[in-house]
Each structure stands twice: as C-alpha cells, then as structure tokens.
Amino acid sequence: MTEELLKKIYGKNIKRLREEKHLTQEKFAELVGISEKYLSTLETGRNFGSIETLVSLSNALKIEPFELFLPQNSGVNYDTRRTKILVSRLKSGLCELMDAMENFLEEKP
C-alpha cells in the first residue's frame, strides 16, 4: 500500500463518516478544532495531519483512530485477536502505521 493510497482512504473515510453524522465541514472543523480549509486538505487526501489531529478527528467521529485508515467495507470485529494486535501496534508509534495496516489487510481471518 502506498502513502498516496493510504491518504486517499484516510480522506474518504473522514468525509464519509462526517457526512453520515450529517455534519457540515464548518461544524465538524469546529468540533475538531481545525479550520475548514485544513479539513478540506485532509478529506481530499493531500495531508495526514498531526497525531493530535488524528485523535481529535476520531474522538469527534466516536471511532478508534485506526478506523480512519481502513478501506471502506473492511468490517472490524473489536473482539478478535487480530484487531487487538493491530491496536497495540498502532499505539506503539504512528511511524509503523503503513506496515501495520498492510499486514492487517493482507492477513486472512
């Protein structure tokens, strides 16, 4: 998985989840504590943002941060060993994010 593809997945998930909650960019940006323009760069996949932004986005969407990096319809079961391993790896450092996501998506349940 390339960084470019990961950014697109991330941005599409932010936008999709925001729209599912019927939030405008203006209202959502306010909840997250960022500008609308910055939110737009995230939703269009031009930027990842900081770890703090990732946490703020996921808190506002009421999801786990790693969910923003999952391809749509990948279905996550939070009680599985694989998911617990993924969460543990993601907590160990965002630098390993791309490798962790690639391994998670390639593994068969």
N, C-alpha and C. Protein backbone atom coordinates (compact mmCIF):
# COMPACT_ATOMS: atom_id res chain seq x y z
N MET A 1 0.86 -1.17 0.00
CA MET A 1 0.00 0.00 0.00
C MET A 1 0.90 1.23 0.00
N THR A 2 0.63 2.15 -0.89
CA THR A 2 1.44 3.37 -0.98
C THR A 2 0.90 4.44 -0.03
N GLU A 3 1.75 5.40 0.25
CA GLU A 3 1.33 6.52 1.10
C GLU A 3 0.19 7.29 0.43
N GLU A 4 0.27 7.44 -0.88
CA GLU A 4 -0.78 8.16 -1.61
C GLU A 4 -2.13 7.46 -1.46
N LEU A 5 -2.13 6.14 -1.61
CA LEU A 5 -3.38 5.38 -1.46
C LEU A 5 -3.91 5.47 -0.04
N LEU A 6 -3.02 5.39 0.94
CA LEU A 6 -3.42 5.49 2.34
C LEU A 6 -4.04 6.86 2.63
N LYS A 7 -3.47 7.91 2.07
CA LYS A 7 -4.02 9.26 2.25
C LYS A 7 -5.42 9.36 1.65
N LYS A 8 -5.63 8.73 0.49
CA LYS A 8 -6.95 8.76 -0.14
C LYS A 8 -7.98 8.02 0.70
N ILE A 9 -7.61 6.84 1.21
CA ILE A 9 -8.51 6.08 2.07
C ILE A 9 -8.86 6.89 3.31
N TYR A 10 -7.84 7.46 3.93
CA TYR A 10 -7.99 8.29 5.14
C TYR A 10 -8.96 9.45 4.87
N GLY A 11 -8.72 10.18 3.80
CA GLY A 11 -9.56 11.34 3.47
C GLY A 11 -10.99 10.95 3.17
N LYS A 12 -11.18 9.88 2.39
CA LYS A 12 -12.53 9.43 2.06
C LYS A 12 -13.29 8.98 3.31
N ASN A 13 -12.58 8.33 4.22
CA ASN A 13 -13.23 7.90 5.46
C ASN A 13 -13.65 9.08 6.32
N ILE A 14 -12.80 10.08 6.41
CA ILE A 14 -13.17 11.27 7.19
C ILE A 14 -14.43 11.88 6.61
N LYS A 15 -14.45 12.08 5.31
CA LYS A 15 -15.60 12.71 4.66
C LYS A 15 -16.86 11.85 4.80
N ARG A 16 -16.73 10.55 4.54
CA ARG A 16 -17.89 9.65 4.62
C ARG A 16 -18.48 9.63 6.03
N LEU A 17 -17.62 9.49 7.03
CA LEU A 17 -18.10 9.43 8.41
C LEU A 17 -18.69 10.77 8.86
N ARG A 18 -18.08 11.86 8.42
CA ARG A 18 -18.63 13.20 8.73
C ARG A 18 -20.03 13.33 8.14
N GLU A 19 -20.16 12.95 6.87
CA GLU A 19 -21.46 13.07 6.20
C GLU A 19 -22.50 12.12 6.81
N GLU A 20 -22.09 10.95 7.25
CA GLU A 20 -23.02 10.03 7.91
C GLU A 20 -23.59 10.63 9.19
N LYS A 21 -22.82 11.51 9.81
CA LYS A 21 -23.28 12.19 11.03
C LYS A 21 -23.99 13.51 10.70
N HIS A 22 -24.19 13.75 9.41
CA HIS A 22 -24.89 14.95 8.93
C HIS A 22 -24.23 16.23 9.43
N LEU A 23 -22.90 16.24 9.40
CA LEU A 23 -22.14 17.41 9.82
C LEU A 23 -21.57 18.12 8.60
N THR A 24 -21.69 19.43 8.58
CA THR A 24 -21.05 20.22 7.53
C THR A 24 -19.56 20.29 7.83
N GLN A 25 -18.78 20.67 6.83
CA GLN A 25 -17.35 20.86 7.07
C GLN A 25 -17.14 21.92 8.14
N GLU A 26 -17.94 22.97 8.10
CA GLU A 26 -17.80 24.05 9.07
C GLU A 26 -18.02 23.55 10.49
N LYS A 27 -19.11 22.82 10.72
CA LYS A 27 -19.43 22.34 12.06
C LYS A 27 -18.41 21.29 12.52
N PHE A 28 -18.03 20.39 11.63
CA PHE A 28 -17.10 19.35 12.00
C PHE A 28 -15.72 19.94 12.32
N ALA A 29 -15.26 20.87 11.49
CA ALA A 29 -13.98 21.53 11.74
C ALA A 29 -13.98 22.20 13.11
N GLU A 30 -15.10 22.81 13.45
CA GLU A 30 -15.24 23.46 14.76
C GLU A 30 -15.13 22.42 15.88
N LEU A 31 -15.80 21.27 15.73
CA LEU A 31 -15.74 20.21 16.74
C LEU A 31 -14.32 19.68 16.93
N VAL A 32 -13.60 19.57 15.83
CA VAL A 32 -12.25 19.01 15.85
C VAL A 32 -11.22 20.05 16.30
N GLY A 33 -11.53 21.32 16.08
CA GLY A 33 -10.60 22.38 16.46
C GLY A 33 -9.61 22.72 15.36
N ILE A 34 -10.07 22.59 14.11
CA ILE A 34 -9.23 22.93 12.97
C ILE A 34 -10.03 23.82 12.03
N SER A 35 -9.36 24.39 11.03
CA SER A 35 -10.06 25.24 10.07
C SER A 35 -10.74 24.38 9.01
N GLU A 36 -11.74 24.95 8.36
CA GLU A 36 -12.40 24.26 7.25
C GLU A 36 -11.41 23.96 6.13
N LYS A 37 -10.53 24.89 5.86
CA LYS A 37 -9.55 24.71 4.80
C LYS A 37 -8.64 23.52 5.11
N TYR A 38 -8.21 23.41 6.35
CA TYR A 38 -7.35 22.29 6.75
C TYR A 38 -8.13 20.98 6.66
N LEU A 39 -9.38 20.99 7.10
CA LEU A 39 -10.23 19.80 6.99
C LEU A 39 -10.34 19.37 5.53
N SER A 40 -10.48 20.33 4.64
CA SER A 40 -10.56 20.02 3.21
C SER A 40 -9.30 19.31 2.73
N THR A 41 -8.12 19.73 3.21
CA THR A 41 -6.88 19.08 2.78
C THR A 41 -6.82 17.64 3.29
N LEU A 42 -7.43 17.39 4.45
CA LEU A 42 -7.47 16.04 4.98
C LEU A 42 -8.44 15.17 4.17
N GLU A 43 -9.62 15.71 3.90
CA GLU A 43 -10.65 14.96 3.19
C GLU A 43 -10.29 14.67 1.73
N THR A 44 -9.47 15.49 1.15
CA THR A 44 -9.06 15.27 -0.24
C THR A 44 -7.76 14.47 -0.34
N GLY A 45 -7.23 14.04 0.80
CA GLY A 45 -6.04 13.20 0.79
C GLY A 45 -4.74 13.92 0.52
N ARG A 46 -4.73 15.23 0.71
CA ARG A 46 -3.49 15.98 0.49
C ARG A 46 -2.63 16.04 1.74
N ASN A 47 -3.19 15.63 2.89
CA ASN A 47 -2.49 15.78 4.16
C ASN A 47 -2.98 14.72 5.14
N PHE A 48 -2.10 14.24 6.01
CA PHE A 48 -2.49 13.35 7.11
C PHE A 48 -2.82 14.14 8.37
N GLY A 49 -2.12 15.23 8.57
CA GLY A 49 -2.29 15.97 9.82
C GLY A 49 -1.40 15.39 10.91
N SER A 50 -1.49 15.97 12.07
CA SER A 50 -0.68 15.54 13.22
C SER A 50 -1.39 14.40 13.96
N ILE A 51 -0.68 13.80 14.88
CA ILE A 51 -1.28 12.77 15.73
C ILE A 51 -2.43 13.37 16.53
N GLU A 52 -2.24 14.60 16.99
CA GLU A 52 -3.30 15.27 17.75
C GLU A 52 -4.55 15.45 16.90
N THR A 53 -4.36 15.79 15.63
CA THR A 53 -5.50 15.94 14.71
C THR A 53 -6.18 14.60 14.51
N LEU A 54 -5.41 13.55 14.34
CA LEU A 54 -5.97 12.20 14.18
C LEU A 54 -6.83 11.83 15.38
N VAL A 55 -6.34 12.09 16.56
CA VAL A 55 -7.09 11.79 17.79
C VAL A 55 -8.34 12.65 17.87
N SER A 56 -8.24 13.93 17.57
CA SER A 56 -9.40 14.82 17.60
C SER A 56 -10.46 14.40 16.59
N LEU A 57 -10.03 14.02 15.38
CA LEU A 57 -10.97 13.55 14.36
C LEU A 57 -11.70 12.31 14.83
N SER A 58 -10.94 11.33 15.32
CA SER A 58 -11.57 10.08 15.74
C SER A 58 -12.48 10.28 16.95
N ASN A 59 -12.10 11.16 17.87
CA ASN A 59 -12.97 11.44 19.01
C ASN A 59 -14.28 12.10 18.56
N ALA A 60 -14.18 13.03 17.64
CA ALA A 60 -15.39 13.71 17.14
C ALA A 60 -16.30 12.74 16.38
N LEU A 61 -15.69 11.75 15.73
CA LEU A 61 -16.46 10.76 14.97
C LEU A 61 -16.87 9.57 15.82
N LYS A 62 -16.34 9.52 17.06
CA LYS A 62 -16.63 8.43 18.00
C LYS A 62 -16.19 7.07 17.45
N ILE A 63 -14.94 7.04 16.95
CA ILE A 63 -14.34 5.82 16.43
C ILE A 63 -12.92 5.72 16.96
N GLU A 64 -12.30 4.57 16.73
CA GLU A 64 -10.89 4.40 17.06
C GLU A 64 -10.07 5.03 15.94
N PRO A 65 -8.93 5.65 16.26
CA PRO A 65 -8.13 6.31 15.22
C PRO A 65 -7.77 5.42 14.02
N PHE A 66 -7.45 4.15 14.27
CA PHE A 66 -7.03 3.30 13.16
C PHE A 66 -8.14 3.07 12.14
N GLU A 67 -9.39 3.25 12.54
CA GLU A 67 -10.51 3.02 11.62
C GLU A 67 -10.48 3.98 10.43
N LEU A 68 -9.86 5.13 10.61
CA LEU A 68 -9.78 6.09 9.51
C LEU A 68 -8.87 5.60 8.39
N PHE A 69 -8.07 4.58 8.67
CA PHE A 69 -7.15 4.06 7.67
C PHE A 69 -7.62 2.75 7.03
N LEU A 70 -8.79 2.27 7.42
CA LEU A 70 -9.30 1.02 6.86
C LEU A 70 -10.09 1.28 5.60
N PRO A 71 -9.86 0.49 4.57
CA PRO A 71 -10.68 0.63 3.36
C PRO A 71 -12.15 0.42 3.71
N GLN A 72 -13.03 1.11 3.02
CA GLN A 72 -14.46 1.00 3.28
C GLN A 72 -14.90 -0.45 3.12
N ASN A 73 -15.85 -0.85 3.94
CA ASN A 73 -16.42 -2.21 3.95
C ASN A 73 -15.43 -3.27 4.39
N SER A 74 -14.42 -2.91 5.16
CA SER A 74 -13.47 -3.91 5.63
C SER A 74 -13.94 -4.56 6.93
N GLY A 75 -15.00 -4.06 7.53
CA GLY A 75 -15.61 -4.68 8.71
C GLY A 75 -14.64 -5.07 9.80
N VAL A 76 -14.71 -4.42 10.93
CA VAL A 76 -13.80 -4.69 12.04
C VAL A 76 -14.58 -5.29 13.19
N ASN A 77 -14.09 -6.41 13.70
CA ASN A 77 -14.65 -7.03 14.89
C ASN A 77 -13.69 -6.73 16.03
N TYR A 78 -14.11 -5.93 16.98
CA TYR A 78 -13.22 -5.46 18.04
C TYR A 78 -12.82 -6.53 19.03
N ASP A 79 -13.45 -7.69 18.99
CA ASP A 79 -13.14 -8.74 19.94
C ASP A 79 -12.13 -9.75 19.40
N THR A 80 -11.68 -9.57 18.19
CA THR A 80 -10.76 -10.54 17.62
C THR A 80 -9.33 -10.27 18.04
N ARG A 81 -8.56 -11.34 18.06
CA ARG A 81 -7.14 -11.23 18.40
C ARG A 81 -6.41 -10.35 17.41
N ARG A 82 -6.75 -10.47 16.13
CA ARG A 82 -6.09 -9.67 15.09
C ARG A 82 -6.30 -8.18 15.34
N THR A 83 -7.50 -7.79 15.71
CA THR A 83 -7.79 -6.37 15.95
C THR A 83 -7.02 -5.88 17.17
N LYS A 84 -6.95 -6.68 18.23
CA LYS A 84 -6.20 -6.29 19.42
C LYS A 84 -4.71 -6.12 19.09
N ILE A 85 -4.17 -7.00 18.26
CA ILE A 85 -2.78 -6.88 17.84
C ILE A 85 -2.57 -5.61 17.04
N LEU A 86 -3.50 -5.31 16.14
CA LEU A 86 -3.40 -4.10 15.33
C LEU A 86 -3.42 -2.86 16.22
N VAL A 87 -4.35 -2.79 17.15
CA VAL A 87 -4.45 -1.63 18.03
C VAL A 87 -3.16 -1.47 18.83
N SER A 88 -2.61 -2.55 19.32
CA SER A 88 -1.36 -2.49 20.08
C SER A 88 -0.22 -1.96 19.21
N ARG A 89 -0.14 -2.43 17.98
CA ARG A 89 0.92 -1.97 17.07
C ARG A 89 0.75 -0.49 16.74
N LEU A 90 -0.49 -0.05 16.55
CA LEU A 90 -0.72 1.35 16.22
C LEU A 90 -0.35 2.26 17.38
N LYS A 91 -0.58 1.81 18.59
CA LYS A 91 -0.24 2.61 19.76
C LYS A 91 1.27 2.74 19.92
N SER A 92 2.03 1.78 19.40
CA SER A 92 3.48 1.79 19.57
C SER A 92 4.16 2.89 18.75
N GLY A 93 3.45 3.45 17.80
CA GLY A 93 4.04 4.55 17.05
C GLY A 93 3.43 4.68 15.67
N LEU A 94 3.11 5.88 15.31
CA LEU A 94 2.49 6.15 14.03
C LEU A 94 3.44 5.88 12.88
N CYS A 95 4.73 5.84 13.14
CA CYS A 95 5.71 5.56 12.07
C CYS A 95 5.50 4.19 11.47
N GLU A 96 4.99 3.25 12.25
CA GLU A 96 4.77 1.89 11.77
C GLU A 96 3.39 1.70 11.15
N LEU A 97 2.62 2.76 11.04
CA LEU A 97 1.24 2.67 10.61
C LEU A 97 1.07 1.97 9.26
N MET A 98 1.80 2.37 8.27
CA MET A 98 1.61 1.80 6.95
C MET A 98 1.89 0.30 6.94
N ASP A 99 2.95 -0.13 7.60
CA ASP A 99 3.26 -1.56 7.67
C ASP A 99 2.18 -2.32 8.43
N ALA A 100 1.72 -1.77 9.53
CA ALA A 100 0.69 -2.44 10.32
C ALA A 100 -0.61 -2.60 9.53
N MET A 101 -1.00 -1.55 8.83
CA MET A 101 -2.23 -1.61 8.05
C MET A 101 -2.10 -2.60 6.90
N GLU A 102 -0.97 -2.60 6.24
CA GLU A 102 -0.75 -3.52 5.12
C GLU A 102 -0.81 -4.96 5.60
N ASN A 103 -0.17 -5.26 6.72
CA ASN A 103 -0.20 -6.62 7.28
C ASN A 103 -1.61 -7.01 7.70
N PHE A 104 -2.31 -6.11 8.33
CA PHE A 104 -3.68 -6.38 8.78
C PHE A 104 -4.58 -6.71 7.60
N LEU A 105 -4.47 -5.94 6.54
CA LEU A 105 -5.34 -6.14 5.38
C LEU A 105 -4.97 -7.39 4.58
N GLU A 106 -3.71 -7.80 4.65
CA GLU A 106 -3.29 -8.99 3.92
C GLU A 106 -3.60 -10.28 4.68
N GLU A 107 -3.71 -10.22 6.00
CA GLU A 107 -3.98 -11.41 6.80
C GLU A 107 -5.39 -11.91 6.56
N LYS A 108 -5.54 -13.19 6.58
CA LYS A 108 -6.86 -13.81 6.45
C LYS A 108 -7.39 -14.09 7.84
N PRO A 109 -8.66 -13.75 8.12
CA PRO A 109 -9.22 -14.02 9.46
C PRO A 109 -9.27 -15.50 9.78
